[in-house]
C-alpha atoms as a PDB file:
ATOM      1  CA  SER A   1     -12.867  21.371 -26.953  1.00  0.00           C
ATOM      2  CA  ILE A   2     -13.478  21.938 -23.272  1.00  0.00           C
ATOM      3  CA  ILE A   3     -11.889  25.220 -22.211  1.00  0.00           C
ATOM      4  CA  GLN A   4     -12.862  25.850 -18.581  1.00  0.00           C
ATOM      5  CA  LEU A   5     -15.280  25.207 -15.730  1.00  0.00           C
ATOM      6  CA  VAL A   6     -15.779  28.288 -13.559  1.00  0.00           C
ATOM      7  CA  ASN A   7     -17.691  28.909 -10.346  1.00  0.00           C
ATOM      8  CA  TYR A   8     -18.073  32.694 -10.366  1.00  0.00           C
ATOM      9  CA  THR A   9     -19.501  32.576  -6.844  1.00  0.00           C
ATOM     10  CA  THR A  10     -16.230  31.238  -5.365  1.00  0.00           C
ATOM     11  CA  GLY A  11     -13.793  32.416  -8.038  1.00  0.00           C
ATOM     12  CA  ASP A  12     -12.554  28.839  -8.585  1.00  0.00           C
ATOM     13  CA  ALA A  13     -11.770  27.662 -12.115  1.00  0.00           C
ATOM     14  CA  ILE A  14     -10.546  24.479 -13.742  1.00  0.00           C
ATOM     15  CA  TYR A  15      -8.886  24.845 -17.143  1.00  0.00           C
ATOM     16  CA  PHE A  16      -8.641  22.096 -19.732  1.00  0.00           C
ATOM     17  CA  ASN A  17      -6.584  21.243 -22.792  1.00  0.00           C
ATOM     18  CA  LEU A  18      -9.013  18.699 -24.191  1.00  0.00           C
ATOM     19  CA  ALA A  19     -10.430  18.187 -27.667  1.00  0.00           C
ATOM     20  CA  LEU A  20     -13.468  15.914 -27.474  1.00  0.00           C
ATOM     21  CA  ASN A  21     -14.307  13.213 -29.997  1.00  0.00           C
ATOM     22  CA  ALA A  22     -17.849  12.826 -31.344  1.00  0.00           C
ATOM     23  CA  GLY A  23     -19.877  10.867 -28.805  1.00  0.00           C
ATOM     24  CA  GLU A  24     -17.238  11.138 -26.072  1.00  0.00           C
ATOM     25  CA  VAL A  25     -18.418  11.560 -22.489  1.00  0.00           C
ATOM     26  CA  VAL A  26     -16.013  12.852 -19.846  1.00  0.00           C
ATOM     27  CA  THR A  27     -16.550  12.776 -16.088  1.00  0.00           C
ATOM     28  CA  LEU A  28     -14.780  15.045 -13.602  1.00  0.00           C
ATOM     29  CA  ASP A  29     -15.131  13.776 -10.017  1.00  0.00           C
ATOM     30  CA  LEU A  30     -13.926  16.276  -7.402  1.00  0.00           C
ATOM     31  CA  ARG A  31     -14.888  14.367  -4.268  1.00  0.00           C
ATOM     32  CA  SER A  32     -12.075  14.632  -1.730  1.00  0.00           C
ATOM     33  CA  ARG A  33     -10.957  11.020  -2.087  1.00  0.00           C
ATOM     34  CA  ALA A  34     -11.642  10.658  -5.800  1.00  0.00           C
ATOM     35  CA  LYS A  35     -10.195  13.550  -7.863  1.00  0.00           C
ATOM     36  CA  THR A  36     -10.547  11.763 -11.207  1.00  0.00           C
ATOM     37  CA  PHE A  37     -11.139  12.874 -14.784  1.00  0.00           C
ATOM     38  CA  THR A  38     -12.119  10.063 -17.139  1.00  0.00           C
ATOM     39  CA  SER A  39     -13.294   9.582 -20.705  1.00  0.00           C
ATOM     40  CA  ASN A  40     -15.512   6.788 -21.968  1.00  0.00           C
ATOM     41  CA  PHE A  41     -13.074   6.496 -24.921  1.00  0.00           C
ATOM     42  CA  ARG A  42      -9.640   7.168 -23.385  1.00  0.00           C
ATOM     43  CA  GLY A  43      -9.909   6.271 -19.711  1.00  0.00           C
ATOM     44  CA  ASN A  44      -7.869   8.468 -17.364  1.00  0.00           C
ATOM     45  CA  ILE A  45      -7.448  11.967 -18.842  1.00  0.00           C
ATOM     46  CA  ILE A  46      -6.402  13.824 -15.671  1.00  0.00           C
ATOM     47  CA  GLY A  47      -3.354  15.073 -17.621  1.00  0.00           C
ATOM     48  CA  THR A  48      -5.620  17.295 -19.755  1.00  0.00           C
ATOM     49  CA  ILE A  49      -6.326  19.536 -16.749  1.00  0.00           C
ATOM     50  CA  ALA A  50      -4.146  22.605 -17.187  1.00  0.00           C
ATOM     51  CA  PRO A  51      -1.786  24.072 -14.575  1.00  0.00           C
ATOM     52  CA  GLY A  52      -3.328  26.811 -12.465  1.00  0.00           C
ATOM     53  CA  SER A  53      -6.598  24.921 -12.032  1.00  0.00           C
ATOM     54  CA  ASN A  54      -8.304  24.842  -8.618  1.00  0.00           C
ATOM     55  CA  VAL A  55      -8.901  21.073  -8.584  1.00  0.00           C
ATOM     56  CA  THR A  56      -8.394  20.664  -4.842  1.00  0.00           C
ATOM     57  CA  SER A  57     -10.434  23.695  -3.784  1.00  0.00           C
ATOM     58  CA  TRP A  58     -13.209  23.866  -6.438  1.00  0.00           C
ATOM     59  CA  LYS A  59     -16.534  23.679  -4.618  1.00  0.00           C
ATOM     60  CA  LEU A  60     -20.135  24.781  -4.476  1.00  0.00           C
ATOM     61  CA  LEU A  61     -21.214  27.099  -1.684  1.00  0.00           C
ATOM     62  CA  PRO A  62     -24.578  26.782   0.060  1.00  0.00           C
ATOM     63  CA  GLY A  63     -27.322  28.512  -1.893  1.00  0.00           C
ATOM     64  CA  VAL A  64     -27.123  29.764  -5.446  1.00  0.00           C
ATOM     65  CA  ASN A  65     -23.835  29.390  -7.349  1.00  0.00           C
ATOM     66  CA  ASN A  66     -23.109  30.935 -10.750  1.00  0.00           C
ATOM     67  CA  VAL A  67     -21.320  28.150 -12.663  1.00  0.00           C
ATOM     68  CA  SER A  68     -20.326  28.101 -16.351  1.00  0.00           C
ATOM     69  CA  ILE A  69     -18.564  25.658 -18.630  1.00  0.00           C
ATOM     70  CA  PHE A  70     -17.005  26.956 -21.825  1.00  0.00           C
ATOM     71  CA  LEU A  71     -16.792  24.735 -24.897  1.00  0.00           C
ATOM     72  CA  SER A  72     -15.508  25.602 -28.366  1.00  0.00           C
ATOM     73  CA  GLY A  73     -15.584  24.091 -31.815  1.00  0.00           C
ATOM     74  CA  GLY A  74     -18.902  22.279 -31.799  1.00  0.00           C
ATOM     75  CA  SER A  75     -21.833  21.375 -29.647  1.00  0.00           C
ATOM     76  CA  GLY A  76     -21.978  19.701 -26.273  1.00  0.00           C
ATOM     77  CA  ALA A  77     -23.809  19.454 -23.023  1.00  0.00           C
ATOM     78  CA  ALA A  78     -22.780  19.572 -19.377  1.00  0.00           C
ATOM     79  CA  GLN A  79     -24.375  18.146 -16.265  1.00  0.00           C
ATOM     80  CA  LEU A  80     -23.415  19.095 -12.715  1.00  0.00           C
ATOM     81  CA  THR A  81     -24.368  16.806  -9.847  1.00  0.00           C
ATOM     82  CA  TRP A  82     -23.496  16.920  -6.179  1.00  0.00           C
ATOM     83  CA  THR A  83     -24.132  15.078  -2.960  1.00  0.00           C
ATOM     84  CA  GLU A  84     -24.627  16.812   0.359  1.00  0.00           C
ATOM     85  CA  ARG A  85     -21.757  15.673   2.543  1.00  0.00           C
ATOM     86  CA  PHE A  86     -22.635  17.248   5.882  1.00  0.00           C
ATOM     87  CA  TRP A  87     -25.917  17.541   7.666  1.00  0.00           C
ATOM     88  CA  SER A  88     -26.417  20.397  10.064  1.00  0.00           C
ATOM     89  CA  ILE A  89     -28.755  20.940  12.948  1.00  0.00           C
ATOM     90  CA  ASP A  90     -30.677  23.348  10.706  1.00  0.00           C
ATOM     91  CA  ASN A  91     -31.843  20.570   8.313  1.00  0.00           C
END
């Protein structure tokens, strides 16, 4: 089961009520126009995100972020990817 995704640097957390099936891959897309949570087995699973989650504000800050995902009841892996959205004069 996926329990939560926490960015300790910002204090934002997303909580889940989701038991995964063997071989299932889920994708959480938090881009401003996307906001989707999908499963390769079940399709749209946005309803498994629990109330009190920071879906609209969850973000990474510039520099180092302390991020954790908590799973229970088996083994799993997580991958976090991002795309820089804004270029600054400093780049």
